[in-house]
Every structure is written in structure tokens, then in C-alpha cells.
Amino acid sequence: MNGLMKQVEDFAKPFCDQDPEDSKLWGNHVRLVRRFALQLADIEGADSLVCEIAAILHDIGKDQGRKGHNVRSHELAQPFVAKLAIADSQKALILKCILKHSSEMGGEKI
């Protein structure tokens, strides 16, 4: 694993481990979403780095419940993502994916 992904994992895991509704959020859900995000990125020709980081961070706001967790996850991720050594365009896409991953946004073109 490269240093960037370790940095992202080290940031996200403590948030996921605090989810009161799903003690296996990190070990099951995030791992599965990450794997599928990378597969979809390959199929769709999307930026795999953006997809992988967004998948890792997408549920970090669930520690306060499911409702609105996409907004909380987005807010928590913003200062962290801003410091990553990646292109600004990638940072913007990661944050957009986190914010819009919720089923309440399902009708929007993303």
C-alpha cells in the first residue's frame, strides 16, 4: 500500500470505528465499497485514485447516525482532503463523491 492510501486509511478508520450502528463498518462495508469503486472506475474509465479515496471517506460521518451522514462526512473530510498531495481537481471530485453518495441524492446526475 502506498503512503497516500495509508494516510487516508489512518484518517478514516477511527471515524468508522465509532459508528454506533455498525461495529464492522470499516472491516466490511468500507472495504467492499472500496473494492467496487475501483472496479467501477476501471469499467467507466474514471480516476481510480478519486474513487478509492472517496470510497474510504464516504461514511466517516456515520458516528452521529445515518441521516445526513453524507453532509457530515463531507464536512469532516474537507480539511483532510485539502492537505492531500494530489491535484485540486481530484480533491474537488472526492468531496463531490462523498457529498452525493447518499441515496437521497440518487436522482441527481453525478
PDB file of N, CA and C in Angstrom:
ATOM      1  N   MET A   1       0.845  -1.178   0.000  1.00  0.00           N
ATOM      2  CA  MET A   1       0.000   0.000   0.000  1.00  0.00           C
ATOM      3  C   MET A   1       0.889   1.239   0.000  1.00  0.00           C
ATOM      4  N   ASN A   2       0.515   2.203  -0.823  1.00  0.00           N
ATOM      5  CA  ASN A   2       1.346   3.405  -0.878  1.00  0.00           C
ATOM      6  C   ASN A   2       1.060   4.323   0.313  1.00  0.00           C
ATOM      7  N   GLY A   3       1.928   5.291   0.510  1.00  0.00           N
ATOM      8  CA  GLY A   3       1.820   6.190   1.648  1.00  0.00           C
ATOM      9  C   GLY A   3       0.543   7.011   1.666  1.00  0.00           C
ATOM     10  N   LEU A   4       0.076   7.409   0.491  1.00  0.00           N
ATOM     11  CA  LEU A   4      -1.149   8.204   0.415  1.00  0.00           C
ATOM     12  C   LEU A   4      -2.346   7.410   0.919  1.00  0.00           C
ATOM     13  N   MET A   5      -2.489   6.176   0.477  1.00  0.00           N
ATOM     14  CA  MET A   5      -3.632   5.365   0.911  1.00  0.00           C
ATOM     15  C   MET A   5      -3.550   5.055   2.404  1.00  0.00           C
ATOM     16  N   LYS A   6      -2.358   4.840   2.906  1.00  0.00           N
ATOM     17  CA  LYS A   6      -2.210   4.613   4.343  1.00  0.00           C
ATOM     18  C   LYS A   6      -2.636   5.854   5.111  1.00  0.00           C
ATOM     19  N   GLN A   7      -2.260   7.018   4.624  1.00  0.00           N
ATOM     20  CA  GLN A   7      -2.650   8.282   5.247  1.00  0.00           C
ATOM     21  C   GLN A   7      -4.183   8.415   5.274  1.00  0.00           C
ATOM     22  N   VAL A   8      -4.838   8.092   4.169  1.00  0.00           N
ATOM     23  CA  VAL A   8      -6.294   8.179   4.083  1.00  0.00           C
ATOM     24  C   VAL A   8      -6.941   7.165   5.029  1.00  0.00           C
ATOM     25  N   GLU A   9      -6.449   5.948   5.023  1.00  0.00           N
ATOM     26  CA  GLU A   9      -6.985   4.920   5.915  1.00  0.00           C
ATOM     27  C   GLU A   9      -6.811   5.309   7.383  1.00  0.00           C
ATOM     28  N   ASP A  10      -5.632   5.799   7.727  1.00  0.00           N
ATOM     29  CA  ASP A  10      -5.366   6.185   9.117  1.00  0.00           C
ATOM     30  C   ASP A  10      -6.287   7.310   9.574  1.00  0.00           C
ATOM     31  N   PHE A  11      -6.675   8.177   8.648  1.00  0.00           N
ATOM     32  CA  PHE A  11      -7.615   9.249   8.980  1.00  0.00           C
ATOM     33  C   PHE A  11      -9.037   8.698   9.137  1.00  0.00           C
ATOM     34  N   ALA A  12      -9.468   7.840   8.225  1.00  0.00           N
ATOM     35  CA  ALA A  12     -10.866   7.401   8.172  1.00  0.00           C
ATOM     36  C   ALA A  12     -11.228   6.337   9.199  1.00  0.00           C
ATOM     37  N   LYS A  13     -10.355   5.409   9.454  1.00  0.00           N
ATOM     38  CA  LYS A  13     -10.689   4.257  10.300  1.00  0.00           C
ATOM     39  C   LYS A  13     -11.209   4.645  11.682  1.00  0.00           C
ATOM     40  N   PRO A  14     -10.597   5.564  12.403  1.00  0.00           N
ATOM     41  CA  PRO A  14     -11.128   5.911  13.727  1.00  0.00           C
ATOM     42  C   PRO A  14     -12.570   6.431  13.679  1.00  0.00           C
ATOM     43  N   PHE A  15     -12.916   7.169  12.633  1.00  0.00           N
ATOM     44  CA  PHE A  15     -14.301   7.639  12.491  1.00  0.00           C
ATOM     45  C   PHE A  15     -15.237   6.459  12.284  1.00  0.00           C
ATOM     46  N   CYS A  16     -14.862   5.549  11.400  1.00  0.00           N
ATOM     47  CA  CYS A  16     -15.700   4.390  11.104  1.00  0.00           C
ATOM     48  C   CYS A  16     -15.853   3.487  12.319  1.00  0.00           C
ATOM     49  N   ASP A  17     -14.808   3.367  13.100  1.00  0.00           N
ATOM     50  CA  ASP A  17     -14.847   2.518  14.291  1.00  0.00           C
ATOM     51  C   ASP A  17     -15.777   3.071  15.364  1.00  0.00           C
ATOM     52  N   GLN A  18     -16.182   4.333  15.249  1.00  0.00           N
ATOM     53  CA  GLN A  18     -17.079   4.958  16.237  1.00  0.00           C
ATOM     54  C   GLN A  18     -18.551   4.834  15.863  1.00  0.00           C
ATOM     55  N   ASP A  19     -18.865   4.222  14.734  1.00  0.00           N
ATOM     56  CA  ASP A  19     -20.260   4.107  14.298  1.00  0.00           C
ATOM     57  C   ASP A  19     -21.025   3.221  15.281  1.00  0.00           C
ATOM     58  N   PRO A  20     -22.020   3.790  15.987  1.00  0.00           N
ATOM     59  CA  PRO A  20     -22.746   3.009  16.985  1.00  0.00           C
ATOM     60  C   PRO A  20     -23.682   1.964  16.381  1.00  0.00           C
ATOM     61  N   GLU A  21     -24.020   2.111  15.114  1.00  0.00           N
ATOM     62  CA  GLU A  21     -24.966   1.195  14.478  1.00  0.00           C
ATOM     63  C   GLU A  21     -24.283   0.045  13.751  1.00  0.00           C
ATOM     64  N   ASP A  22     -23.013   0.173  13.466  1.00  0.00           N
ATOM     65  CA  ASP A  22     -22.324  -0.850  12.667  1.00  0.00           C
ATOM     66  C   ASP A  22     -20.877  -0.978  13.123  1.00  0.00           C
ATOM     67  N   SER A  23     -20.634  -1.931  13.982  1.00  0.00           N
ATOM     68  CA  SER A  23     -19.285  -2.118  14.526  1.00  0.00           C
ATOM     69  C   SER A  23     -18.303  -2.635  13.469  1.00  0.00           C
ATOM     70  N   LYS A  24     -18.825  -3.102  12.348  1.00  0.00           N
ATOM     71  CA  LYS A  24     -17.952  -3.626  11.292  1.00  0.00           C
ATOM     72  C   LYS A  24     -17.970  -2.729  10.063  1.00  0.00           C
ATOM     73  N   LEU A  25     -18.318  -1.464  10.242  1.00  0.00           N
ATOM     74  CA  LEU A  25     -18.379  -0.531   9.123  1.00  0.00           C
ATOM     75  C   LEU A  25     -17.072  -0.530   8.351  1.00  0.00           C
ATOM     76  N   TRP A  26     -15.967  -0.410   9.066  1.00  0.00           N
ATOM     77  CA  TRP A  26     -14.659  -0.354   8.402  1.00  0.00           C
ATOM     78  C   TRP A  26     -14.315  -1.695   7.759  1.00  0.00           C
ATOM     79  N   GLY A  27     -14.432  -2.761   8.518  1.00  0.00           N
ATOM     80  CA  GLY A  27     -13.978  -4.070   8.059  1.00  0.00           C
ATOM     81  C   GLY A  27     -14.831  -4.682   6.966  1.00  0.00           C
ATOM     82  N   ASN A  28     -16.098  -4.334   6.925  1.00  0.00           N
ATOM     83  CA  ASN A  28     -16.979  -4.920   5.918  1.00  0.00           C
ATOM     84  C   ASN A  28     -17.386  -3.918   4.848  1.00  0.00           C
ATOM     85  N   HIS A  29     -18.192  -2.946   5.231  1.00  0.00           N
ATOM     86  CA  HIS A  29     -18.799  -2.035   4.266  1.00  0.00           C
ATOM     87  C   HIS A  29     -17.765  -1.200   3.505  1.00  0.00           C
ATOM     88  N   VAL A  30     -16.906  -0.515   4.212  1.00  0.00           N
ATOM     89  CA  VAL A  30     -15.944   0.365   3.541  1.00  0.00           C
ATOM     90  C   VAL A  30     -15.015  -0.455   2.638  1.00  0.00           C
ATOM     91  N   ARG A  31     -14.606  -1.592   3.103  1.00  0.00           N
ATOM     92  CA  ARG A  31     -13.739  -2.456   2.287  1.00  0.00           C
ATOM     93  C   ARG A  31     -14.444  -2.885   0.993  1.00  0.00           C
ATOM     94  N   LEU A  32     -15.728  -3.256   1.118  1.00  0.00           N
ATOM     95  CA  LEU A  32     -16.494  -3.682  -0.046  1.00  0.00           C
ATOM     96  C   LEU A  32     -16.742  -2.519  -1.011  1.00  0.00           C
ATOM     97  N   VAL A  33     -17.132  -1.361  -0.483  1.00  0.00           N
ATOM     98  CA  VAL A  33     -17.356  -0.186  -1.326  1.00  0.00           C
ATOM     99  C   VAL A  33     -16.064   0.190  -2.047  1.00  0.00           C
ATOM    100  N   ARG A  34     -14.968   0.111  -1.353  1.00  0.00           N
ATOM    101  CA  ARG A  34     -13.668   0.433  -1.951  1.00  0.00           C
ATOM    102  C   ARG A  34     -13.371  -0.487  -3.128  1.00  0.00           C
ATOM    103  N   ARG A  35     -13.581  -1.777  -2.931  1.00  0.00           N
ATOM    104  CA  ARG A  35     -13.311  -2.741  -3.995  1.00  0.00           C
ATOM    105  C   ARG A  35     -14.206  -2.475  -5.213  1.00  0.00           C
ATOM    106  N   PHE A  36     -15.504  -2.253  -4.964  1.00  0.00           N
ATOM    107  CA  PHE A  36     -16.424  -1.983  -6.074  1.00  0.00           C
ATOM    108  C   PHE A  36     -16.131  -0.643  -6.741  1.00  0.00           C
ATOM    109  N   ALA A  37     -15.727   0.342  -5.964  1.00  0.00           N
ATOM    110  CA  ALA A  37     -15.390   1.654  -6.543  1.00  0.00           C
ATOM    111  C   ALA A  37     -14.221   1.525  -7.519  1.00  0.00           C
ATOM    112  N   LEU A  38     -13.238   0.733  -7.157  1.00  0.00           N
ATOM    113  CA  LEU A  38     -12.101   0.528  -8.050  1.00  0.00           C
ATOM    114  C   LEU A  38     -12.497  -0.248  -9.309  1.00  0.00           C
ATOM    115  N   GLN A  39     -13.383  -1.221  -9.158  1.00  0.00           N
ATOM    116  CA  GLN A  39     -13.864  -1.960 -10.321  1.00  0.00           C
ATOM    117  C   GLN A  39     -14.664  -1.047 -11.251  1.00  0.00           C
ATOM    118  N   LEU A  40     -15.542  -0.235 -10.672  1.00  0.00           N
ATOM    119  CA  LEU A  40     -16.342   0.695 -11.478  1.00  0.00           C
ATOM    120  C   LEU A  40     -15.467   1.745 -12.148  1.00  0.00           C
ATOM    121  N   ALA A  41     -14.455   2.217 -11.444  1.00  0.00           N
ATOM    122  CA  ALA A  41     -13.534   3.187 -12.043  1.00  0.00           C
ATOM    123  C   ALA A  41     -12.878   2.593 -13.279  1.00  0.00           C
ATOM    124  N   ASP A  42     -12.491   1.335 -13.182  1.00  0.00           N
ATOM    125  CA  ASP A  42     -11.859   0.667 -14.321  1.00  0.00           C
ATOM    126  C   ASP A  42     -12.849   0.525 -15.477  1.00  0.00           C
ATOM    127  N   ILE A  43     -14.059   0.097 -15.187  1.00  0.00           N
ATOM    128  CA  ILE A  43     -15.083  -0.089 -16.223  1.00  0.00           C
ATOM    129  C   ILE A  43     -15.441   1.236 -16.887  1.00  0.00           C
ATOM    130  N   GLU A  44     -15.593   2.272 -16.078  1.00  0.00           N
ATOM    131  CA  GLU A  44     -16.063   3.569 -16.580  1.00  0.00           C
ATOM    132  C   GLU A  44     -14.941   4.493 -17.049  1.00  0.00           C
ATOM    133  N   GLY A  45     -13.702   4.100 -16.821  1.00  0.00           N
ATOM    134  CA  GLY A  45     -12.586   4.957 -17.198  1.00  0.00           C
ATOM    135  C   GLY A  45     -12.465   6.176 -16.296  1.00  0.00           C
ATOM    136  N   ALA A  46     -12.880   6.027 -15.065  1.00  0.00           N
ATOM    137  CA  ALA A  46     -12.823   7.119 -14.090  1.00  0.00           C
ATOM    138  C   ALA A  46     -11.467   7.125 -13.388  1.00  0.00           C
ATOM    139  N   ASP A  47     -11.199   8.190 -12.675  1.00  0.00           N
ATOM    140  CA  ASP A  47      -9.958   8.338 -11.920  1.00  0.00           C
ATOM    141  C   ASP A  47     -10.002   7.394 -10.714  1.00  0.00           C
ATOM    142  N   SER A  48      -9.205   6.346 -10.752  1.00  0.00           N
ATOM    143  CA  SER A  48      -9.237   5.337  -9.691  1.00  0.00           C
ATOM    144  C   SER A  48      -8.792   5.899  -8.347  1.00  0.00           C
ATOM    145  N   LEU A  49      -7.882   6.851  -8.348  1.00  0.00           N
ATOM    146  CA  LEU A  49      -7.445   7.459  -7.090  1.00  0.00           C
ATOM    147  C   LEU A  49      -8.605   8.205  -6.437  1.00  0.00           C
ATOM    148  N   VAL A  50      -9.335   8.981  -7.215  1.00  0.00           N
ATOM    149  CA  VAL A  50     -10.505   9.706  -6.702  1.00  0.00           C
ATOM    150  C   VAL A  50     -11.530   8.721  -6.148  1.00  0.00           C
ATOM    151  N   CYS A  51     -11.826   7.689  -6.911  1.00  0.00           N
ATOM    152  CA  CYS A  51     -12.837   6.717  -6.494  1.00  0.00           C
ATOM    153  C   CYS A  51     -12.429   5.982  -5.217  1.00  0.00           C
ATOM    154  N   GLU A  52     -11.170   5.612  -5.131  1.00  0.00           N
ATOM    155  CA  GLU A  52     -10.709   4.871  -3.957  1.00  0.00           C
ATOM    156  C   GLU A  52     -10.737   5.743  -2.709  1.00  0.00           C
ATOM    157  N   ILE A  53     -10.241   6.952  -2.805  1.00  0.00           N
ATOM    158  CA  ILE A  53     -10.230   7.831  -1.626  1.00  0.00           C
ATOM    159  C   ILE A  53     -11.657   8.172  -1.208  1.00  0.00           C
ATOM    160  N   ALA A  54     -12.522   8.479  -2.170  1.00  0.00           N
ATOM    161  CA  ALA A  54     -13.916   8.788  -1.843  1.00  0.00           C
ATOM    162  C   ALA A  54     -14.588   7.592  -1.165  1.00  0.00           C
ATOM    163  N   ALA A  55     -14.303   6.391  -1.643  1.00  0.00           N
ATOM    164  CA  ALA A  55     -14.880   5.187  -1.043  1.00  0.00           C
ATOM    165  C   ALA A  55     -14.428   5.018   0.408  1.00  0.00           C
ATOM    166  N   ILE A  56     -13.185   5.303   0.682  1.00  0.00           N
ATOM    167  CA  ILE A  56     -12.654   5.167   2.044  1.00  0.00           C
ATOM    168  C   ILE A  56     -13.282   6.201   2.978  1.00  0.00           C
ATOM    169  N   LEU A  57     -13.524   7.398   2.469  1.00  0.00           N
ATOM    170  CA  LEU A  57     -14.002   8.503   3.321  1.00  0.00           C
ATOM    171  C   LEU A  57     -15.518   8.662   3.351  1.00  0.00           C
ATOM    172  N   HIS A  58     -16.243   7.965   2.507  1.00  0.00           N
ATOM    173  CA  HIS A  58     -17.654   8.287   2.299  1.00  0.00           C
ATOM    174  C   HIS A  58     -18.547   8.151   3.521  1.00  0.00           C
ATOM    175  N   ASP A  59     -18.199   7.354   4.490  1.00  0.00           N
ATOM    176  CA  ASP A  59     -19.065   7.140   5.655  1.00  0.00           C
ATOM    177  C   ASP A  59     -18.463   7.601   6.980  1.00  0.00           C
ATOM    178  N   ILE A  60     -17.466   8.462   6.947  1.00  0.00           N
ATOM    179  CA  ILE A  60     -16.830   8.866   8.205  1.00  0.00           C
ATOM    180  C   ILE A  60     -17.759   9.673   9.105  1.00  0.00           C
ATOM    181  N   GLY A  61     -18.844  10.175   8.579  1.00  0.00           N
ATOM    182  CA  GLY A  61     -19.797  10.948   9.379  1.00  0.00           C
ATOM    183  C   GLY A  61     -20.937  10.137   9.957  1.00  0.00           C
ATOM    184  N   LYS A  62     -20.884   8.818   9.868  1.00  0.00           N
ATOM    185  CA  LYS A  62     -21.967   7.969  10.370  1.00  0.00           C
ATOM    186  C   LYS A  62     -21.981   7.833  11.881  1.00  0.00           C
ATOM    187  N   ASP A  63     -20.972   8.356  12.561  1.00  0.00           N
ATOM    188  CA  ASP A  63     -20.923   8.203  14.017  1.00  0.00           C
ATOM    189  C   ASP A  63     -22.083   8.916  14.711  1.00  0.00           C
ATOM    190  N   GLN A  64     -22.769   9.808  13.998  1.00  0.00           N
ATOM    191  CA  GLN A  64     -23.923  10.513  14.557  1.00  0.00           C
ATOM    192  C   GLN A  64     -25.226  10.040  13.913  1.00  0.00           C
ATOM    193  N   GLY A  65     -25.196   8.902  13.259  1.00  0.00           N
ATOM    194  CA  GLY A  65     -26.387   8.336  12.636  1.00  0.00           C
ATOM    195  C   GLY A  65     -26.333   8.435  11.123  1.00  0.00           C
ATOM    196  N   ARG A  66     -27.267   7.760  10.496  1.00  0.00           N
ATOM    197  CA  ARG A  66     -27.295   7.679   9.035  1.00  0.00           C
ATOM    198  C   ARG A  66     -27.845   8.939   8.382  1.00  0.00           C
ATOM    199  N   LYS A  67     -28.857   9.534   8.976  1.00  0.00           N
ATOM    200  CA  LYS A  67     -29.490  10.703   8.365  1.00  0.00           C
ATOM    201  C   LYS A  67     -28.485  11.846   8.280  1.00  0.00           C
ATOM    202  N   GLY A  68     -28.260  12.322   7.079  1.00  0.00           N
ATOM    203  CA  GLY A  68     -27.343  13.429   6.854  1.00  0.00           C
ATOM    204  C   GLY A  68     -25.873  13.075   6.983  1.00  0.00           C
ATOM    205  N   HIS A  69     -25.570  11.779   7.039  1.00  0.00           N
ATOM    206  CA  HIS A  69     -24.160  11.406   7.236  1.00  0.00           C
ATOM    207  C   HIS A  69     -23.294  11.810   6.056  1.00  0.00           C
ATOM    208  N   ASN A  70     -23.885  11.910   4.868  1.00  0.00           N
ATOM    209  CA  ASN A  70     -23.092  12.318   3.710  1.00  0.00           C
ATOM    210  C   ASN A  70     -22.606  13.760   3.867  1.00  0.00           C
ATOM    211  N   VAL A  71     -23.444  14.611   4.440  1.00  0.00           N
ATOM    212  CA  VAL A  71     -23.049  16.008   4.670  1.00  0.00           C
ATOM    213  C   VAL A  71     -21.979  16.066   5.760  1.00  0.00           C
ATOM    214  N   ARG A  72     -22.174  15.313   6.843  1.00  0.00           N
ATOM    215  CA  ARG A  72     -21.165  15.282   7.912  1.00  0.00           C
ATOM    216  C   ARG A  72     -19.851  14.705   7.405  1.00  0.00           C
ATOM    217  N   SER A  73     -19.930  13.639   6.615  1.00  0.00           N
ATOM    218  CA  SER A  73     -18.714  13.027   6.058  1.00  0.00           C
ATOM    219  C   SER A  73     -17.972  14.037   5.190  1.00  0.00           C
ATOM    220  N   HIS A  74     -18.707  14.768   4.381  1.00  0.00           N
ATOM    221  CA  HIS A  74     -18.136  15.804   3.515  1.00  0.00           C
ATOM    222  C   HIS A  74     -17.432  16.868   4.355  1.00  0.00           C
ATOM    223  N   GLU A  75     -18.101  17.332   5.408  1.00  0.00           N
ATOM    224  CA  GLU A  75     -17.525  18.376   6.269  1.00  0.00           C
ATOM    225  C   GLU A  75     -16.273  17.887   6.988  1.00  0.00           C
ATOM    226  N   LEU A  76     -16.312  16.662   7.481  1.00  0.00           N
ATOM    227  CA  LEU A  76     -15.143  16.097   8.171  1.00  0.00           C
ATOM    228  C   LEU A  76     -13.971  15.886   7.214  1.00  0.00           C
ATOM    229  N   ALA A  77     -14.284  15.503   5.989  1.00  0.00           N
ATOM    230  CA  ALA A  77     -13.238  15.194   5.008  1.00  0.00           C
ATOM    231  C   ALA A  77     -12.585  16.440   4.424  1.00  0.00           C
ATOM    232  N   GLN A  78     -13.303  17.550   4.354  1.00  0.00           N
ATOM    233  CA  GLN A  78     -12.781  18.746   3.671  1.00  0.00           C
ATOM    234  C   GLN A  78     -11.382  19.162   4.119  1.00  0.00           C
ATOM    235  N   PRO A  79     -11.140  19.403   5.405  1.00  0.00           N
ATOM    236  CA  PRO A  79      -9.795  19.859   5.776  1.00  0.00           C
ATOM    237  C   PRO A  79      -8.714  18.800   5.534  1.00  0.00           C
ATOM    238  N   PHE A  80      -9.083  17.532   5.677  1.00  0.00           N
ATOM    239  CA  PHE A  80      -8.129  16.457   5.426  1.00  0.00           C
ATOM    240  C   PHE A  80      -7.782  16.381   3.944  1.00  0.00           C
ATOM    241  N   VAL A  81      -8.790  16.365   3.100  1.00  0.00           N
ATOM    242  CA  VAL A  81      -8.577  16.260   1.652  1.00  0.00           C
ATOM    243  C   VAL A  81      -7.786  17.464   1.142  1.00  0.00           C
ATOM    244  N   ALA A  82      -8.038  18.629   1.707  1.00  0.00           N
ATOM    245  CA  ALA A  82      -7.332  19.844   1.283  1.00  0.00           C
ATOM    246  C   ALA A  82      -5.821  19.706   1.432  1.00  0.00           C
ATOM    247  N   LYS A  83      -5.371  18.898   2.371  1.00  0.00           N
ATOM    248  CA  LYS A  83      -3.936  18.742   2.635  1.00  0.00           C
ATOM    249  C   LYS A  83      -3.282  17.623   1.817  1.00  0.00           C
ATOM    250  N   LEU A  84      -4.080  16.847   1.100  1.00  0.00           N
ATOM    251  CA  LEU A  84      -3.504  15.736   0.339  1.00  0.00           C
ATOM    252  C   LEU A  84      -2.662  16.249  -0.825  1.00  0.00           C
ATOM    253  N   ALA A  85      -1.617  15.522  -1.125  1.00  0.00           N
ATOM    254  CA  ALA A  85      -0.702  15.892  -2.216  1.00  0.00           C
ATOM    255  C   ALA A  85      -1.213  15.328  -3.534  1.00  0.00           C
ATOM    256  N   ILE A  86      -2.378  15.833  -3.950  1.00  0.00           N
ATOM    257  CA  ILE A  86      -2.989  15.454  -5.220  1.00  0.00           C
ATOM    258  C   ILE A  86      -3.521  16.723  -5.879  1.00  0.00           C
ATOM    259  N   ALA A  87      -3.941  16.607  -7.116  1.00  0.00           N
ATOM    260  CA  ALA A  87      -4.432  17.769  -7.860  1.00  0.00           C
ATOM    261  C   ALA A  87      -5.714  18.326  -7.235  1.00  0.00           C
ATOM    262  N   ASP A  88      -5.885  19.641  -7.325  1.00  0.00           N
ATOM    263  CA  ASP A  88      -7.090  20.280  -6.801  1.00  0.00           C
ATOM    264  C   ASP A  88      -8.348  19.722  -7.455  1.00  0.00           C
ATOM    265  N   SER A  89      -8.266  19.395  -8.728  1.00  0.00           N
ATOM    266  CA  SER A  89      -9.428  18.834  -9.426  1.00  0.00           C
ATOM    267  C   SER A  89      -9.822  17.480  -8.821  1.00  0.00           C
ATOM    268  N   GLN A  90      -8.839  16.691  -8.402  1.00  0.00           N
ATOM    269  CA  GLN A  90      -9.122  15.413  -7.754  1.00  0.00           C
ATOM    270  C   GLN A  90      -9.741  15.633  -6.376  1.00  0.00           C
ATOM    271  N   LYS A  91      -9.237  16.601  -5.650  1.00  0.00           N
ATOM    272  CA  LYS A  91      -9.798  16.924  -4.335  1.00  0.00           C
ATOM    273  C   LYS A  91     -11.273  17.297  -4.455  1.00  0.00           C
ATOM    274  N   ALA A  92     -11.592  18.125  -5.443  1.00  0.00           N
ATOM    275  CA  ALA A  92     -12.977  18.557  -5.640  1.00  0.00           C
ATOM    276  C   ALA A  92     -13.884  17.368  -5.970  1.00  0.00           C
ATOM    277  N   LEU A  93     -13.402  16.461  -6.813  1.00  0.00           N
ATOM    278  CA  LEU A  93     -14.197  15.288  -7.166  1.00  0.00           C
ATOM    279  C   LEU A  93     -14.404  14.347  -5.986  1.00  0.00           C
ATOM    280  N   ILE A  94     -13.385  14.165  -5.177  1.00  0.00           N
ATOM    281  CA  ILE A  94     -13.503  13.318  -3.983  1.00  0.00           C
ATOM    282  C   ILE A  94     -14.604  13.870  -3.080  1.00  0.00           C
ATOM    283  N   LEU A  95     -14.552  15.160  -2.821  1.00  0.00           N
ATOM    284  CA  LEU A  95     -15.547  15.778  -1.936  1.00  0.00           C
ATOM    285  C   LEU A  95     -16.947  15.710  -2.538  1.00  0.00           C
ATOM    286  N   LYS A  96     -17.051  15.872  -3.843  1.00  0.00           N
ATOM    287  CA  LYS A  96     -18.352  15.769  -4.510  1.00  0.00           C
ATOM    288  C   LYS A  96     -18.909  14.346  -4.375  1.00  0.00           C
ATOM    289  N   CYS A  97     -18.059  13.349  -4.562  1.00  0.00           N
ATOM    290  CA  CYS A  97     -18.499  11.958  -4.415  1.00  0.00           C
ATOM    291  C   CYS A  97     -18.991  11.675  -3.001  1.00  0.00           C
ATOM    292  N   ILE A  98     -18.282  12.166  -2.017  1.00  0.00           N
ATOM    293  CA  ILE A  98     -18.677  11.949  -0.626  1.00  0.00           C
ATOM    294  C   ILE A  98     -20.037  12.589  -0.362  1.00  0.00           C
ATOM    295  N   LEU A  99     -20.197  13.814  -0.776  1.00  0.00           N
ATOM    296  CA  LEU A  99     -21.438  14.541  -0.525  1.00  0.00           C
ATOM    297  C   LEU A  99     -22.621  13.891  -1.232  1.00  0.00           C
ATOM    298  N   LYS A 100     -22.409  13.417  -2.433  1.00  0.00           N
ATOM    299  CA  LYS A 100     -23.519  12.944  -3.261  1.00  0.00           C
ATOM    300  C   LYS A 100     -23.723  11.436  -3.235  1.00  0.00           C
ATOM    301  N   HIS A 101     -23.042  10.714  -2.354  1.00  0.00           N
ATOM    302  CA  HIS A 101     -23.188   9.258  -2.377  1.00  0.00           C
ATOM    303  C   HIS A 101     -24.474   8.768  -1.733  1.00  0.00           C
ATOM    304  N   SER A 102     -25.133   9.599  -1.001  1.00  0.00           N
ATOM    305  CA  SER A 102     -26.336   9.201  -0.280  1.00  0.00           C
ATOM    306  C   SER A 102     -27.481   8.891  -1.232  1.00  0.00           C
ATOM    307  N   SER A 103     -28.343   7.964  -0.844  1.00  0.00           N
ATOM    308  CA  SER A 103     -29.484   7.601  -1.691  1.00  0.00           C
ATOM    309  C   SER A 103     -30.437   8.773  -1.883  1.00  0.00           C
ATOM    310  N   GLU A 104     -30.435   9.733  -0.974  1.00  0.00           N
ATOM    311  CA  GLU A 104     -31.292  10.920  -1.150  1.00  0.00           C
ATOM    312  C   GLU A 104     -30.833  11.747  -2.332  1.00  0.00           C
ATOM    313  N   MET A 105     -29.621  11.530  -2.814  1.00  0.00           N
ATOM    314  CA  MET A 105     -29.096  12.236  -3.975  1.00  0.00           C
ATOM    315  C   MET A 105     -29.184  11.360  -5.226  1.00  0.00           C
ATOM    316  N   GLY A 106     -29.812  10.201  -5.105  1.00  0.00           N
ATOM    317  CA  GLY A 106     -29.825   9.213  -6.174  1.00  0.00           C
ATOM    318  C   GLY A 106     -30.367   9.696  -7.504  1.00  0.00           C
ATOM    319  N   GLY A 107     -31.267  10.669  -7.495  1.00  0.00           N
ATOM    320  CA  GLY A 107     -31.841  11.156  -8.735  1.00  0.00           C
ATOM    321  C   GLY A 107     -30.975  12.171  -9.463  1.00  0.00           C
ATOM    322  N   GLU A 108     -29.929  12.640  -8.810  1.00  0.00           N
ATOM    323  CA  GLU A 108     -29.072  13.656  -9.417  1.00  0.00           C
ATOM    324  C   GLU A 108     -28.061  13.028 -10.355  1.00  0.00           C
ATOM    325  N   LYS A 109     -27.737  13.753 -11.384  1.00  0.00           N
ATOM    326  CA  LYS A 109     -26.658  13.325 -12.283  1.00  0.00           C
ATOM    327  C   LYS A 109     -25.338  13.665 -11.598  1.00  0.00           C
ATOM    328  N   ILE A 110     -24.526  12.673 -11.361  1.00  0.00           N
ATOM    329  CA  ILE A 110     -23.277  12.890 -10.641  1.00  0.00           C
ATOM    330  C   ILE A 110     -22.122  12.683 -11.591  1.00  0.00           C
TER     331      ILE A 110
END
